[in-house]
Amino acid sequence: MGDKASTGNYFEDLETGLEIRHAVPRTLTEGDAALYIALTGDRYPLHCNAEFARALGYPRETVNDLLVFHTVFGKSVPDISLNAVANLGYADVRFGVPVLPGDTISSVTTVLGRRESRGGDTGVVWVRTTGSNQRGEEVLTLIRWVLMNKRDPSTPTGANDAPETPEAVAPEALRVPEQLNLAGFSPEVSGGRAWWEDYEPGERIHHVDGMAIEEAEHQIATRMYHNTARAHFNAYALADSRFGRRVIYGGHIISIARALSFNGLEHALGILAFNGGTHSNPTFAGDTVFAWTDVLERIDLGRADCGALRLRLVGVKNADPATEDVELKQTSEDGRERYHPNVVLDLDYIVLMPRAR
């Protein structure tokens, strides 16, 4: 009769140029938006306050940018990273038209290139995944690279066509929502005090609070995104793995750090792009995550009402960087520069911010 259940793709299966249309497009609902808030503590008002959203020109509150990101990403997991060791990084992540509750999101992935590891038992695969709504409008496109297990570690593939990825998203590629009208922006709703002009390149914002990762919360969040990667769920299969236990989905760390960043970036209207990102160290249930933001650049969008901020969001586990010595990177005994062992996220991203009036 043949096998009916899929064991997922391995490194050898994901040949350069392969295009995969992922199954089970996902309709995002009010329930998803509320559950996302419950699981992450996110407070950005555009995603939870319908009256605030309507005052800015939207029909209603929008789906959180990161919920869109996780949904598009999650659709790709059964075909791309079910057998992944780790998701290593992101590049050229661009957010498109806003998503509203009731929109249905589908994803398509193209394999951009591969590189087999020196040991021959794993390899890195680069892919671009694009998410679209039910009208065919692009809501997100992203490049990511994944460390994959091989189906047959003993047989070399010779794969070595890793692509070059852009260092940053060009300002002209940043997409400001067409319906946005900031005449109705109320700072009393967000509670923030700082506008686009108030953020100085070179300054650091410590977001003060910490949030512990509960096993149940990250499991629910990852299941909500249809992310089926074994590394996050199958404790039995992972007993003899490198860590011997389930690893927290890296996207959950992005969401927690982003939620923490509300304290200091309250007026931020949404994410326009990720220039790049690294999950620098693993996190596990019980870890407490803190965050800081380095302001890298103010980007003039040519509008009188808003501009963009290029920010570096850093997540730290089990140490409060506001009061403890946690450097982003440190030099190891072999002379190489590596991330501090407590740093779990290094995300270079761009947000939309209103100007002072």
Protein backbone atom coordinates (compact mmCIF):
# COMPACT_ATOMS: atom_id res chain seq x y z
CA MET A 1 0.00 0.00 0.00
CA GLY A 2 2.97 2.32 0.55
CA ASP A 3 3.71 4.88 3.24
CA LYS A 4 1.07 7.57 3.61
CA ALA A 5 2.72 9.66 6.33
CA SER A 6 5.55 12.00 5.42
CA THR A 7 8.84 12.01 7.31
CA GLY A 8 9.72 15.41 5.87
CA ASN A 9 12.55 16.51 3.61
CA TYR A 10 16.24 16.21 4.37
CA PHE A 11 19.21 18.15 3.03
CA GLU A 12 19.49 15.99 -0.08
CA ASP A 13 15.83 16.53 -0.98
CA LEU A 14 15.94 20.33 -1.08
CA GLU A 15 17.68 20.90 -4.40
CA THR A 16 18.46 24.42 -5.54
CA GLY A 17 15.59 25.85 -7.60
CA LEU A 18 12.93 23.61 -6.06
CA GLU A 19 9.62 25.45 -5.50
CA ILE A 20 7.12 24.21 -2.93
CA ARG A 21 3.57 25.46 -2.43
CA HIS A 22 2.85 24.67 1.18
CA ALA A 23 -0.31 22.94 2.31
CA VAL A 24 -3.02 24.20 4.65
CA PRO A 25 -3.30 27.97 4.08
CA ARG A 26 -4.25 29.61 7.37
CA THR A 27 -7.12 32.01 8.09
CA LEU A 28 -6.05 34.34 10.90
CA THR A 29 -8.87 35.25 13.25
CA GLU A 30 -9.63 37.47 16.22
CA GLY A 31 -9.00 34.41 18.37
CA ASP A 32 -5.48 34.03 16.99
CA ALA A 33 -4.76 37.70 17.69
CA ALA A 34 -6.03 37.44 21.28
CA LEU A 35 -4.11 34.23 21.92
CA TYR A 36 -0.94 35.82 20.55
CA ILE A 37 -1.30 38.61 23.12
CA ALA A 38 -1.90 36.06 25.88
CA LEU A 39 1.22 34.09 24.93
CA THR A 40 3.60 37.01 24.40
CA GLY A 41 2.29 39.96 26.41
CA ASP A 42 2.33 42.19 23.32
CA ARG A 43 0.79 45.66 23.92
CA TYR A 44 1.19 47.57 20.66
CA PRO A 45 -2.23 49.22 20.25
CA LEU A 46 -2.57 48.95 16.47
CA HIS A 47 -3.05 45.21 16.93
CA CYS A 48 -5.51 45.26 19.82
CA ASN A 49 -7.44 48.54 19.66
CA ALA A 50 -9.97 48.77 16.83
CA GLU A 51 -10.81 52.43 17.49
CA PHE A 52 -7.13 53.43 17.41
CA ALA A 53 -6.68 51.50 14.15
CA ARG A 54 -9.72 53.15 12.55
CA ALA A 55 -8.41 56.57 13.57
CA LEU A 56 -5.28 55.77 11.53
CA GLY A 57 -7.20 54.79 8.40
CA TYR A 58 -7.50 51.01 8.82
CA PRO A 59 -10.87 49.22 8.69
CA ARG A 60 -10.13 47.68 12.10
CA GLU A 61 -7.21 46.46 14.21
CA THR A 62 -4.48 44.70 12.22
CA VAL A 63 -2.92 41.30 12.84
CA ASN A 64 0.41 41.63 14.62
CA ASP A 65 3.30 41.69 12.14
CA LEU A 66 5.06 38.89 13.98
CA LEU A 67 1.94 36.72 14.02
CA VAL A 68 1.96 37.11 10.23
CA PHE A 69 5.67 36.27 10.18
CA HIS A 70 5.20 33.13 12.28
CA THR A 71 2.26 31.99 10.17
CA VAL A 72 4.13 32.36 6.86
CA PHE A 73 7.21 30.75 8.44
CA GLY A 74 5.17 27.97 10.06
CA LYS A 75 3.54 26.96 6.77
CA SER A 76 7.03 26.20 5.39
CA VAL A 77 8.23 24.05 8.29
CA PRO A 78 6.73 20.65 7.31
CA ASP A 79 8.44 20.87 3.89
CA ILE A 80 11.62 22.77 4.76
CA SER A 81 12.70 22.41 8.37
CA LEU A 82 10.88 19.45 9.88
CA ASN A 83 14.26 17.72 10.15
CA ALA A 84 16.27 20.84 10.89
CA VAL A 85 18.89 21.04 13.60
CA ALA A 86 18.37 24.79 13.89
CA ASN A 87 17.15 27.84 12.02
CA LEU A 88 20.30 29.94 11.73
CA GLY A 89 19.28 33.35 10.46
CA TYR A 90 17.18 35.70 8.33
CA ALA A 91 17.77 38.28 5.61
CA ASP A 92 15.73 40.53 3.31
CA VAL A 93 12.53 40.14 5.34
CA ARG A 94 9.98 42.60 3.93
CA PHE A 95 6.45 43.11 5.23
CA GLY A 96 3.78 43.88 2.65
CA VAL A 97 0.10 44.77 2.87
CA PRO A 98 -1.41 44.72 6.38
CA VAL A 99 -3.27 41.58 7.42
CA LEU A 100 -6.73 41.91 8.99
CA PRO A 101 -8.59 39.28 11.01
CA GLY A 102 -10.33 37.02 8.52
CA ASP A 103 -7.56 37.10 5.92
CA THR A 104 -6.23 33.75 4.68
CA ILE A 105 -2.47 33.37 4.32
CA SER A 106 -0.69 30.93 2.02
CA SER A 107 3.05 30.38 1.55
CA VAL A 108 5.40 29.39 -1.27
CA THR A 109 9.10 28.58 -0.85
CA THR A 110 11.96 28.47 -3.36
CA VAL A 111 15.31 26.85 -2.50
CA LEU A 112 18.06 29.41 -3.20
CA GLY A 113 21.18 27.36 -2.51
CA ARG A 114 22.92 24.81 -0.28
CA ARG A 115 26.24 24.05 1.38
CA GLU A 116 27.18 20.68 2.84
CA SER A 117 29.04 20.69 6.16
CA ARG A 118 32.66 19.61 6.40
CA GLY A 119 31.68 16.59 8.44
CA GLY A 120 29.17 15.54 5.82
CA ASP A 121 26.38 14.73 8.27
CA THR A 122 24.49 18.03 7.90
CA GLY A 123 24.21 20.99 5.56
CA VAL A 124 22.82 24.51 5.37
CA VAL A 125 19.93 25.30 3.04
CA TRP A 126 18.94 28.85 2.02
CA VAL A 127 15.29 29.44 1.05
CA ARG A 128 12.96 32.32 0.24
CA THR A 129 9.41 32.01 1.52
CA THR A 130 6.66 34.40 0.41
CA GLY A 131 3.25 34.72 2.02
CA SER A 132 0.16 36.06 0.25
CA ASN A 133 -3.42 36.79 1.25
CA GLN A 134 -6.58 35.48 -0.43
CA ARG A 135 -6.38 38.26 -3.03
CA GLY A 136 -2.85 37.31 -4.04
CA GLU A 137 -1.32 40.37 -2.36
CA GLU A 138 2.08 39.83 -0.79
CA VAL A 139 2.03 40.12 3.01
CA LEU A 140 5.61 38.99 3.67
CA THR A 141 8.72 37.72 1.94
CA LEU A 142 11.79 36.40 3.75
CA ILE A 143 15.07 34.59 3.28
CA ARG A 144 16.20 32.19 5.95
CA TRP A 145 18.90 29.57 6.24
CA VAL A 146 18.55 26.29 8.05
CA LEU A 147 21.01 23.70 9.35
CA MET A 148 19.57 20.41 8.08
CA ASN A 149 20.18 16.76 8.86
CA LYS A 150 21.13 14.56 5.91
CA ARG A 151 19.14 11.48 5.04
CA ASP A 152 22.39 9.60 4.32
CA PRO A 153 25.35 11.14 6.19
CA SER A 154 27.78 8.68 4.63
CA THR A 155 27.22 9.86 1.05
CA PRO A 156 28.66 13.27 0.06
CA THR A 157 26.51 15.49 -2.13
CA GLY A 158 29.12 18.07 -3.11
CA ALA A 159 26.49 20.81 -2.69
CA ASN A 160 28.18 24.20 -2.45
CA ASP A 161 26.14 26.96 -4.10
CA ALA A 162 25.27 29.12 -1.11
CA PRO A 163 23.74 32.42 -2.26
CA GLU A 164 24.77 35.89 -1.21
CA THR A 165 22.12 37.63 0.88
CA PRO A 166 21.63 41.42 1.06
CA GLU A 167 22.98 43.12 4.16
CA ALA A 168 19.97 45.41 4.46
CA VAL A 169 16.60 46.14 2.92
CA ALA A 170 16.85 49.23 0.70
CA PRO A 171 14.80 52.23 1.95
CA GLU A 172 12.89 52.35 -1.34
CA ALA A 173 11.73 48.77 -0.73
CA LEU A 174 10.11 49.65 2.60
CA ARG A 175 6.35 49.53 2.24
CA VAL A 176 4.31 52.04 4.27
CA PRO A 177 0.62 50.99 4.35
CA GLU A 178 -1.33 52.99 1.78
CA GLN A 179 -4.26 53.63 4.10
CA LEU A 180 -2.14 55.04 6.94
CA ASN A 181 -3.27 58.50 8.07
CA LEU A 182 -1.48 59.79 11.14
CA ALA A 183 -3.70 62.83 11.63
CA GLY A 184 -5.67 60.76 14.12
CA PHE A 185 -2.68 59.38 16.07
CA SER A 186 -3.19 59.76 19.82
CA PRO A 187 -0.10 59.44 22.05
CA GLU A 188 -2.39 58.92 25.02
CA VAL A 189 -3.41 55.54 23.60
CA SER A 190 0.11 54.14 23.40
CA GLY A 191 1.40 56.03 26.43
CA GLY A 192 4.70 56.82 24.73
CA ARG A 193 6.73 59.99 25.06
CA ALA A 194 9.26 59.66 22.22
CA TRP A 195 8.76 60.41 18.52
CA TRP A 196 10.90 59.59 15.50
CA GLU A 197 13.11 62.66 16.02
CA ASP A 198 13.78 61.74 19.66
CA TYR A 199 15.69 58.52 18.92
CA GLU A 200 19.39 59.16 18.46
CA PRO A 201 21.65 56.74 16.55
CA GLY A 202 24.04 55.19 19.06
CA GLU A 203 21.69 55.26 22.04
CA ARG A 204 20.72 52.11 23.90
CA ILE A 205 17.29 51.47 25.38
CA HIS A 206 17.05 48.90 28.15
CA HIS A 207 13.49 47.60 28.19
CA VAL A 208 13.68 46.92 31.93
CA ASP A 209 11.35 43.93 32.25
CA GLY A 210 12.07 40.22 31.97
CA MET A 211 9.74 37.40 30.96
CA ALA A 212 10.14 33.72 31.83
CA ILE A 213 9.38 31.18 29.13
CA GLU A 214 6.87 28.60 30.26
CA GLU A 215 6.86 25.18 28.60
CA ALA A 216 3.12 25.26 27.93
CA GLU A 217 3.14 28.78 26.48
CA HIS A 218 5.83 28.23 23.89
CA GLN A 219 4.31 24.88 22.93
CA ILE A 220 0.88 26.46 22.39
CA ALA A 221 2.39 29.36 20.42
CA THR A 222 4.40 27.10 18.13
CA ARG A 223 1.43 24.80 17.52
CA MET A 224 -0.72 27.85 16.70
CA TYR A 225 1.68 28.69 13.85
CA HIS A 226 1.48 25.08 12.51
CA ASN A 227 5.23 24.85 13.13
CA THR A 228 5.80 21.09 13.39
CA ALA A 229 9.60 21.02 13.78
CA ARG A 230 10.57 18.04 15.94
CA ALA A 231 13.15 20.07 17.83
CA HIS A 232 10.34 21.94 19.60
CA PHE A 233 8.00 19.04 20.38
CA ASN A 234 9.33 15.51 20.34
CA ALA A 235 10.97 15.11 23.74
CA TYR A 236 11.30 11.34 23.26
CA ALA A 237 13.21 11.66 19.99
CA LEU A 238 15.37 14.46 21.40
CA ALA A 239 16.52 12.57 24.50
CA ASP A 240 19.80 11.61 22.79
CA SER A 241 20.22 14.89 20.90
CA ARG A 242 22.83 17.58 21.51
CA PHE A 243 20.76 19.29 24.20
CA GLY A 244 18.71 16.31 25.33
CA ARG A 245 15.50 18.30 25.46
CA ARG A 246 13.17 20.47 23.42
CA VAL A 247 14.48 23.81 22.17
CA ILE A 248 12.27 26.91 22.20
CA TYR A 249 11.22 28.04 18.73
CA GLY A 250 13.44 31.01 17.91
CA GLY A 251 10.49 32.99 16.62
CA HIS A 252 8.96 32.85 20.09
CA ILE A 253 12.06 34.62 21.38
CA ILE A 254 11.60 37.32 18.74
CA SER A 255 8.00 37.79 19.88
CA ILE A 256 8.93 37.97 23.57
CA ALA A 257 11.76 40.44 22.94
CA ARG A 258 9.52 42.55 20.70
CA ALA A 259 6.78 42.56 23.33
CA LEU A 260 9.29 43.67 25.97
CA SER A 261 10.45 46.47 23.66
CA PHE A 262 7.09 48.21 23.95
CA ASN A 263 8.55 49.89 27.05
CA GLY A 264 10.58 52.56 25.26
CA LEU A 265 9.16 52.19 21.74
CA GLU A 266 5.48 52.66 22.50
CA HIS A 267 4.69 54.77 19.42
CA ALA A 268 6.08 52.22 16.94
CA LEU A 269 3.41 51.57 14.31
CA GLY A 270 4.67 48.31 12.90
CA ILE A 271 7.59 46.40 11.48
CA LEU A 272 8.63 47.26 7.93
CA ALA A 273 11.55 44.84 7.52
CA PHE A 274 14.22 42.63 9.05
CA ASN A 275 17.66 43.35 7.65
CA GLY A 276 19.05 40.26 9.30
CA GLY A 277 18.75 38.15 12.39
CA THR A 278 20.56 35.45 14.32
CA HIS A 279 19.41 33.00 16.97
CA SER A 280 22.79 33.12 18.65
CA ASN A 281 22.18 30.62 21.46
CA PRO A 282 19.34 28.22 22.30
CA THR A 283 16.70 28.85 24.93
CA PHE A 284 14.77 26.34 27.01
CA ALA A 285 11.66 26.31 29.16
CA GLY A 286 12.33 28.11 32.43
CA ASP A 287 14.75 30.66 30.94
CA THR A 288 13.96 34.34 31.56
CA VAL A 289 14.35 36.67 28.58
CA PHE A 290 15.38 40.34 28.79
CA ALA A 291 15.92 42.75 25.89
CA TRP A 292 17.68 45.91 24.87
CA THR A 293 17.51 48.00 21.69
CA ASP A 294 20.37 49.85 20.02
CA VAL A 295 19.24 52.66 17.73
CA LEU A 296 21.25 52.28 14.52
CA GLU A 297 19.78 54.81 12.13
CA ARG A 298 16.93 57.24 11.50
CA ILE A 299 15.60 56.75 7.97
CA ASP A 300 13.80 59.63 6.29
CA LEU A 301 10.92 58.24 4.25
CA GLY A 302 10.19 61.58 2.60
CA ARG A 303 6.98 62.02 4.61
CA ALA A 304 6.14 64.81 7.04
CA ASP A 305 4.17 62.53 9.35
CA CYS A 306 6.45 59.52 9.90
CA GLY A 307 9.91 58.07 9.47
CA ALA A 308 11.62 54.73 10.01
CA LEU A 309 14.05 53.60 12.68
CA ARG A 310 16.67 50.94 12.07
CA LEU A 311 17.05 49.12 15.37
CA ARG A 312 19.07 46.27 16.82
CA LEU A 313 16.93 44.20 19.17
CA VAL A 314 19.01 41.96 21.43
CA GLY A 315 17.50 39.21 23.56
CA VAL A 316 19.35 37.97 26.64
CA LYS A 317 18.54 34.94 28.78
CA ASN A 318 18.98 34.60 32.55
CA ALA A 319 20.83 37.88 33.02
CA ASP A 320 19.51 41.43 33.26
CA PRO A 321 21.64 43.50 30.86
CA ALA A 322 20.47 46.71 32.52
CA THR A 323 22.25 45.75 35.75
CA GLU A 324 24.66 42.94 34.79
CA ASP A 325 27.66 42.83 32.47
CA VAL A 326 26.38 41.25 29.25
CA GLU A 327 28.29 42.24 26.12
CA LEU A 328 26.87 41.35 22.74
CA LYS A 329 29.98 39.43 21.75
CA GLN A 330 33.17 38.28 23.41
CA THR A 331 36.49 36.77 22.34
CA SER A 332 36.78 33.05 23.04
CA GLU A 333 39.92 31.12 24.01
CA ASP A 334 40.65 30.30 20.36
CA GLY A 335 40.68 34.02 19.54
CA ARG A 336 37.38 34.02 17.66
CA GLU A 337 34.64 36.51 18.39
CA ARG A 338 31.46 34.78 19.49
CA TYR A 339 28.16 35.84 20.95
CA HIS A 340 28.01 36.05 24.72
CA PRO A 341 26.47 32.75 25.92
CA ASN A 342 23.49 34.60 27.40
CA VAL A 343 22.66 36.43 24.14
CA VAL A 344 19.88 34.51 22.36
CA LEU A 345 18.73 36.97 19.69
CA ASP A 346 20.42 39.58 17.51
CA LEU A 347 17.81 41.16 15.22
CA ASP A 348 18.48 44.10 12.89
CA TYR A 349 15.06 45.42 11.92
CA ILE A 350 13.16 48.52 10.84
CA VAL A 351 10.04 49.99 12.41
CA LEU A 352 7.67 52.76 11.33
CA MET A 353 7.51 55.67 13.80
CA PRO A 354 5.38 58.84 13.79
CA ARG A 355 7.09 62.22 13.74
CA ALA A 356 6.39 64.85 16.35
CA ARG A 357 3.62 67.28 15.45
